[in-house]
C-alpha atoms as a PDB file:
ATOM      1  CA  UNK A   1       4.989  -1.265  19.122  1.00  0.00           C
ATOM      2  CA  UNK A   2       5.011  -4.496  17.141  1.00  0.00           C
ATOM      3  CA  UNK A   3       2.526  -5.605  14.528  1.00  0.00           C
ATOM      4  CA  UNK A   4      -0.704  -7.279  15.698  1.00  0.00           C
ATOM      5  CA  UNK A   5      -0.452 -11.061  15.947  1.00  0.00           C
ATOM      6  CA  UNK A   6      -3.613 -11.791  13.933  1.00  0.00           C
ATOM      7  CA  UNK A   7      -2.461 -10.072  10.721  1.00  0.00           C
ATOM      8  CA  UNK A   8      -4.176 -12.662   8.520  1.00  0.00           C
ATOM      9  CA  UNK A   9      -7.469 -10.953   9.355  1.00  0.00           C
ATOM     10  CA  UNK A  10      -6.118  -7.379   9.253  1.00  0.00           C
ATOM     11  CA  UNK A  11      -5.440  -4.973   6.422  1.00  0.00           C
ATOM     12  CA  UNK A  12      -2.041  -3.296   6.672  1.00  0.00           C
ATOM     13  CA  UNK A  13      -1.723   0.360   5.628  1.00  0.00           C
ATOM     14  CA  UNK A  14       1.593   2.231   5.599  1.00  0.00           C
ATOM     15  CA  UNK A  15       0.517   5.844   6.189  1.00  0.00           C
ATOM     16  CA  UNK A  16       3.683   7.967   6.502  1.00  0.00           C
ATOM     17  CA  UNK A  17       7.246   8.081   7.840  1.00  0.00           C
ATOM     18  CA  UNK A  18       7.283   8.343  11.639  1.00  0.00           C
ATOM     19  CA  UNK A  19       9.449  11.471  11.437  1.00  0.00           C
ATOM     20  CA  UNK A  20       6.545  13.300   9.722  1.00  0.00           C
ATOM     21  CA  UNK A  21       4.304  12.909  12.775  1.00  0.00           C
ATOM     22  CA  UNK A  22       6.093  14.167  15.906  1.00  0.00           C
ATOM     23  CA  UNK A  23       4.547  14.190  19.379  1.00  0.00           C
ATOM     24  CA  UNK A  24       1.604  16.562  19.652  1.00  0.00           C
ATOM     25  CA  UNK A  25       0.714  16.370  15.951  1.00  0.00           C
ATOM     26  CA  UNK A  26      -2.078  14.553  14.148  1.00  0.00           C
ATOM     27  CA  UNK A  27      -2.860  13.723  10.550  1.00  0.00           C
ATOM     28  CA  UNK A  28      -5.924  12.280   8.805  1.00  0.00           C
ATOM     29  CA  UNK A  29      -5.785   9.508   6.206  1.00  0.00           C
ATOM     30  CA  UNK A  30      -8.406   7.804   4.065  1.00  0.00           C
ATOM     31  CA  UNK A  31      -7.815   4.055   4.248  1.00  0.00           C
ATOM     32  CA  UNK A  32     -10.243   2.184   2.043  1.00  0.00           C
ATOM     33  CA  UNK A  33     -13.683   3.462   3.006  1.00  0.00           C
ATOM     34  CA  UNK A  34     -12.521   4.680   6.431  1.00  0.00           C
ATOM     35  CA  UNK A  35     -11.271   8.090   7.507  1.00  0.00           C
ATOM     36  CA  UNK A  36      -8.612   7.541  10.206  1.00  0.00           C
ATOM     37  CA  UNK A  37      -6.798  10.063  12.395  1.00  0.00           C
ATOM     38  CA  UNK A  38      -3.271   9.126  13.482  1.00  0.00           C
ATOM     39  CA  UNK A  39      -1.827  11.009  16.461  1.00  0.00           C
ATOM     40  CA  UNK A  40       1.786  11.298  17.586  1.00  0.00           C
ATOM     41  CA  UNK A  41       2.320  11.126  21.337  1.00  0.00           C
ATOM     42  CA  UNK A  42       5.444  11.486  23.504  1.00  0.00           C
ATOM     43  CA  UNK A  43       7.947   8.641  23.562  1.00  0.00           C
ATOM     44  CA  UNK A  44       7.408   7.649  19.935  1.00  0.00           C
ATOM     45  CA  UNK A  45       3.879   6.393  20.609  1.00  0.00           C
ATOM     46  CA  UNK A  46       1.258   6.559  17.862  1.00  0.00           C
ATOM     47  CA  UNK A  47      -2.463   5.907  18.061  1.00  0.00           C
ATOM     48  CA  UNK A  48      -5.159   5.727  15.401  1.00  0.00           C
ATOM     49  CA  UNK A  49      -8.825   6.592  15.888  1.00  0.00           C
ATOM     50  CA  UNK A  50     -11.804   7.054  13.599  1.00  0.00           C
ATOM     51  CA  UNK A  51     -11.831  10.647  12.342  1.00  0.00           C
ATOM     52  CA  UNK A  52     -15.236  11.510  13.742  1.00  0.00           C
ATOM     53  CA  UNK A  53     -16.506  12.583  17.118  1.00  0.00           C
ATOM     54  CA  UNK A  54     -18.958  10.132  18.705  1.00  0.00           C
ATOM     55  CA  UNK A  55     -20.919  13.115  20.097  1.00  0.00           C
ATOM     56  CA  UNK A  56     -22.161  14.656  16.824  1.00  0.00           C
ATOM     57  CA  UNK A  57     -19.821  13.117  14.239  1.00  0.00           C
ATOM     58  CA  UNK A  58     -17.663  16.208  13.772  1.00  0.00           C
ATOM     59  CA  UNK A  59     -14.296  15.650  12.041  1.00  0.00           C
ATOM     60  CA  UNK A  60     -11.692  15.254  14.777  1.00  0.00           C
ATOM     61  CA  UNK A  61      -8.995  16.215  12.260  1.00  0.00           C
ATOM     62  CA  UNK A  62     -10.548  19.704  12.186  1.00  0.00           C
ATOM     63  CA  UNK A  63     -10.095  20.041  15.945  1.00  0.00           C
ATOM     64  CA  UNK A  64      -6.978  19.852  18.053  1.00  0.00           C
ATOM     65  CA  UNK A  65      -4.750  17.459  19.969  1.00  0.00           C
ATOM     66  CA  UNK A  66      -3.509  18.706  23.314  1.00  0.00           C
ATOM     67  CA  UNK A  67      -2.521  17.670  26.798  1.00  0.00           C
ATOM     68  CA  UNK A  68      -5.600  17.377  29.005  1.00  0.00           C
ATOM     69  CA  UNK A  69      -6.323  20.166  31.451  1.00  0.00           C
ATOM     70  CA  UNK A  70      -6.653  19.028  35.078  1.00  0.00           C
ATOM     71  CA  UNK A  71      -7.616  20.802  38.272  1.00  0.00           C
ATOM     72  CA  UNK A  72      -6.002  19.741  41.521  1.00  0.00           C
ATOM     73  CA  UNK A  73      -7.948  22.351  43.484  1.00  0.00           C
ATOM     74  CA  UNK A  74     -10.307  25.240  42.786  1.00  0.00           C
ATOM     75  CA  UNK A  75      -8.840  27.765  40.349  1.00  0.00           C
ATOM     76  CA  UNK A  76      -5.594  25.823  39.908  1.00  0.00           C
ATOM     77  CA  UNK A  77      -5.449  24.246  36.454  1.00  0.00           C
ATOM     78  CA  UNK A  78      -2.488  22.410  34.963  1.00  0.00           C
ATOM     79  CA  UNK A  79      -1.950  20.354  31.831  1.00  0.00           C
ATOM     80  CA  UNK A  80      -1.396  16.640  32.291  1.00  0.00           C
ATOM     81  CA  UNK A  81       2.092  15.373  31.528  1.00  0.00           C
ATOM     82  CA  UNK A  82       0.867  12.158  29.916  1.00  0.00           C
ATOM     83  CA  UNK A  83      -2.854  12.314  29.123  1.00  0.00           C
ATOM     84  CA  UNK A  84      -3.707  13.668  25.666  1.00  0.00           C
ATOM     85  CA  UNK A  85      -7.151  14.494  24.288  1.00  0.00           C
ATOM     86  CA  UNK A  86      -8.630  15.075  20.865  1.00  0.00           C
ATOM     87  CA  UNK A  87     -10.966  18.069  20.877  1.00  0.00           C
ATOM     88  CA  UNK A  88     -13.866  18.134  18.413  1.00  0.00           C
ATOM     89  CA  UNK A  89     -14.228  21.388  16.443  1.00  0.00           C
ATOM     90  CA  UNK A  90     -18.045  21.310  16.735  1.00  0.00           C
ATOM     91  CA  UNK A  91     -18.568  21.596  20.516  1.00  0.00           C
ATOM     92  CA  UNK A  92     -15.114  21.192  22.118  1.00  0.00           C
ATOM     93  CA  UNK A  93     -16.064  17.637  23.075  1.00  0.00           C
ATOM     94  CA  UNK A  94     -12.955  15.777  24.349  1.00  0.00           C
ATOM     95  CA  UNK A  95     -11.889  12.197  23.646  1.00  0.00           C
ATOM     96  CA  UNK A  96      -8.918  10.404  25.154  1.00  0.00           C
ATOM     97  CA  UNK A  97      -6.370  10.174  22.306  1.00  0.00           C
ATOM     98  CA  UNK A  98      -5.269   6.672  23.392  1.00  0.00           C
ATOM     99  CA  UNK A  99      -8.638   4.999  23.990  1.00  0.00           C
ATOM    100  CA  UNK A 100     -11.125   7.005  21.896  1.00  0.00           C
ATOM    101  CA  UNK A 101     -13.345   7.243  24.991  1.00  0.00           C
ATOM    102  CA  UNK A 102     -15.064  10.530  25.812  1.00  0.00           C
ATOM    103  CA  UNK A 103     -13.586  12.343  28.812  1.00  0.00           C
ATOM    104  CA  UNK A 104     -17.180  12.949  29.954  1.00  0.00           C
ATOM    105  CA  UNK A 105     -19.095   9.722  29.254  1.00  0.00           C
ATOM    106  CA  UNK A 106     -22.131   9.957  26.973  1.00  0.00           C
ATOM    107  CA  UNK A 107     -23.733   6.563  27.050  1.00  0.00           C
ATOM    108  CA  UNK A 108     -21.583   3.862  25.509  1.00  0.00           C
ATOM    109  CA  UNK A 109     -20.216   5.859  22.579  1.00  0.00           C
ATOM    110  CA  UNK A 110     -16.537   6.165  21.745  1.00  0.00           C
ATOM    111  CA  UNK A 111     -14.392   6.671  18.673  1.00  0.00           C
ATOM    112  CA  UNK A 112     -13.125   3.416  17.166  1.00  0.00           C
ATOM    113  CA  UNK A 113      -9.411   2.763  17.677  1.00  0.00           C
ATOM    114  CA  UNK A 114      -7.033   0.775  15.482  1.00  0.00           C
ATOM    115  CA  UNK A 115      -3.688  -0.978  16.087  1.00  0.00           C
ATOM    116  CA  UNK A 116      -0.617   1.023  15.062  1.00  0.00           C
ATOM    117  CA  UNK A 117       2.994  -0.066  14.671  1.00  0.00           C
ATOM    118  CA  UNK A 118       6.230   1.545  13.533  1.00  0.00           C
ATOM    119  CA  UNK A 119       7.921  -0.725  10.999  1.00  0.00           C
ATOM    120  CA  UNK A 120      11.188   0.293   9.318  1.00  0.00           C
ATOM    121  CA  UNK A 121      10.557   3.912  10.314  1.00  0.00           C
ATOM    122  CA  UNK A 122       7.046   3.944   8.808  1.00  0.00           C
ATOM    123  CA  UNK A 123       3.756   4.319  10.701  1.00  0.00           C
ATOM    124  CA  UNK A 124       1.502   1.369   9.880  1.00  0.00           C
ATOM    125  CA  UNK A 125      -2.213   1.170  10.738  1.00  0.00           C
ATOM    126  CA  UNK A 126      -4.010  -2.182  10.837  1.00  0.00           C
ATOM    127  CA  UNK A 127      -7.722  -2.248  10.029  1.00  0.00           C
ATOM    128  CA  UNK A 128      -9.908  -5.268  10.560  1.00  0.00           C
ATOM    129  CA  UNK A 129     -11.216  -6.854   7.386  1.00  0.00           C
ATOM    130  CA  UNK A 130     -14.943  -6.614   6.891  1.00  0.00           C
ATOM    131  CA  UNK A 131     -16.833  -9.784   7.768  1.00  0.00           C
ATOM    132  CA  UNK A 132     -18.065  -9.744   4.174  1.00  0.00           C
ATOM    133  CA  UNK A 133     -14.488  -9.986   2.836  1.00  0.00           C
END
Protein backbone atom coordinates (compact mmCIF):
# COMPACT_ATOMS: atom_id res chain seq x y z
CA UNK A 1 0.00 0.00 0.00
CA UNK A 2 1.36 3.44 -0.81
CA UNK A 3 1.29 6.52 1.38
CA UNK A 4 -1.88 8.65 1.41
CA UNK A 5 -1.86 11.44 -1.17
CA UNK A 6 -2.83 14.22 1.26
CA UNK A 7 0.18 13.81 3.57
CA UNK A 8 0.41 17.56 4.21
CA UNK A 9 -2.59 17.18 6.52
CA UNK A 10 -1.53 13.83 8.03
CA UNK A 11 0.88 12.91 10.79
CA UNK A 12 3.22 10.07 9.84
CA UNK A 13 4.15 7.50 12.50
CA UNK A 14 6.61 4.66 11.88
CA UNK A 15 5.42 1.97 14.30
CA UNK A 16 7.54 -1.16 13.71
CA UNK A 17 9.26 -3.31 11.09
CA UNK A 18 6.73 -5.23 9.00
CA UNK A 19 8.46 -8.51 9.86
CA UNK A 20 7.47 -8.01 13.53
CA UNK A 21 3.76 -8.14 12.70
CA UNK A 22 2.96 -11.28 10.67
CA UNK A 23 -0.52 -12.21 9.47
CA UNK A 24 -2.88 -13.01 12.32
CA UNK A 25 -1.04 -10.84 14.86
CA UNK A 26 -1.88 -7.44 16.31
CA UNK A 27 -0.03 -4.85 18.34
CA UNK A 28 -1.11 -1.67 20.12
CA UNK A 29 0.75 1.64 19.89
CA UNK A 30 0.26 5.03 21.52
CA UNK A 31 0.58 7.68 18.82
CA UNK A 32 0.28 11.15 20.28
CA UNK A 33 -2.91 11.12 22.33
CA UNK A 34 -4.37 8.14 20.44
CA UNK A 35 -4.18 4.44 21.21
CA UNK A 36 -4.03 2.57 17.86
CA UNK A 37 -4.18 -1.15 17.14
CA UNK A 38 -2.31 -2.34 14.04
CA UNK A 39 -3.25 -5.76 12.66
CA UNK A 40 -1.35 -7.98 10.24
CA UNK A 41 -3.48 -9.74 7.65
CA UNK A 42 -2.64 -12.28 4.92
CA UNK A 43 -0.83 -11.07 1.82
CA UNK A 44 1.22 -8.44 3.64
CA UNK A 45 -1.83 -6.29 4.37
CA UNK A 46 -1.91 -4.12 7.49
CA UNK A 47 -4.79 -2.16 8.97
CA UNK A 48 -4.99 0.27 11.86
CA UNK A 49 -8.02 0.87 14.07
CA UNK A 50 -8.68 2.75 17.29
CA UNK A 51 -7.86 0.47 20.22
CA UNK A 52 -11.31 0.56 21.75
CA UNK A 53 -14.53 -1.28 21.10
CA UNK A 54 -17.41 0.96 19.99
CA UNK A 55 -19.80 -1.23 22.03
CA UNK A 56 -18.51 -0.48 25.55
CA UNK A 57 -15.04 0.94 24.88
CA UNK A 58 -13.13 -2.19 25.88
CA UNK A 59 -9.48 -2.36 24.75
CA UNK A 60 -9.40 -4.33 21.51
CA UNK A 61 -5.72 -5.08 22.13
CA UNK A 62 -6.82 -7.18 25.12
CA UNK A 63 -9.02 -9.32 22.88
CA UNK A 64 -8.14 -11.39 19.86
CA UNK A 65 -7.79 -11.26 16.09
CA UNK A 66 -9.13 -14.26 14.21
CA UNK A 67 -10.75 -15.40 11.01
CA UNK A 68 -14.51 -14.89 11.19
CA UNK A 69 -16.70 -17.90 11.83
CA UNK A 70 -19.39 -18.48 9.19
CA UNK A 71 -22.26 -20.92 8.91
CA UNK A 72 -23.26 -22.20 5.49
CA UNK A 73 -26.02 -24.35 6.96
CA UNK A 74 -27.30 -25.36 10.39
CA UNK A 75 -24.57 -26.88 12.57
CA UNK A 76 -21.88 -26.48 9.91
CA UNK A 77 -19.44 -23.74 10.90
CA UNK A 78 -16.24 -22.83 9.08
CA UNK A 79 -13.73 -20.01 9.38
CA UNK A 80 -13.63 -17.50 6.56
CA UNK A 81 -10.53 -17.58 4.37
CA UNK A 82 -10.35 -13.80 4.02
CA UNK A 83 -12.56 -12.04 6.57
CA UNK A 84 -10.86 -11.22 9.88
CA UNK A 85 -12.47 -9.85 13.04
CA UNK A 86 -11.25 -8.17 16.19
CA UNK A 87 -12.99 -9.60 19.25
CA UNK A 88 -13.47 -7.36 22.29
CA UNK A 89 -12.41 -8.91 25.62
CA UNK A 90 -15.42 -7.41 27.44
CA UNK A 91 -18.36 -9.12 25.68
CA UNK A 92 -16.89 -10.93 22.64
CA UNK A 93 -18.23 -8.14 20.43
CA UNK A 94 -16.80 -8.51 16.89
CA UNK A 95 -15.53 -5.79 14.56
CA UNK A 96 -14.35 -6.26 10.99
CA UNK A 97 -10.55 -5.85 11.16
CA UNK A 98 -10.46 -4.00 7.81
CA UNK A 99 -13.35 -1.56 8.24
CA UNK A 100 -13.78 -1.20 12.02
CA UNK A 101 -17.50 -1.86 11.54
CA UNK A 102 -19.33 -4.13 13.97
CA UNK A 103 -20.27 -7.52 12.52
CA UNK A 104 -23.69 -7.04 14.14
CA UNK A 105 -24.63 -3.37 13.62
CA UNK A 106 -25.33 -1.29 16.73
CA UNK A 107 -26.56 2.03 15.48
CA UNK A 108 -23.93 3.98 13.59
CA UNK A 109 -20.94 3.14 15.79
CA UNK A 110 -17.67 1.76 14.50
CA UNK A 111 -14.01 1.85 15.46
CA UNK A 112 -12.05 4.59 13.69
CA UNK A 113 -9.66 3.36 11.01
CA UNK A 114 -6.42 4.94 9.81
CA UNK A 115 -4.36 4.69 6.60
CA UNK A 116 -1.40 2.30 6.77
CA UNK A 117 1.53 1.86 4.41
CA UNK A 118 4.68 -0.24 4.32
CA UNK A 119 7.64 2.00 3.53
CA UNK A 120 11.19 0.60 3.38
CA UNK A 121 10.04 -2.46 5.33
CA UNK A 122 8.47 -0.37 8.12
CA UNK A 123 4.76 -0.16 8.99
CA UNK A 124 3.66 3.47 8.89
CA UNK A 125 0.34 4.77 10.26
CA UNK A 126 -1.05 8.13 9.13
CA UNK A 127 -3.24 10.07 11.55
CA UNK A 128 -5.21 13.13 10.57
CA UNK A 129 -4.03 16.34 12.18
CA UNK A 130 -6.45 17.90 14.61
CA UNK A 131 -8.43 20.81 13.18
CA UNK A 132 -6.91 22.89 15.97
CA UNK A 133 -3.37 22.21 14.70
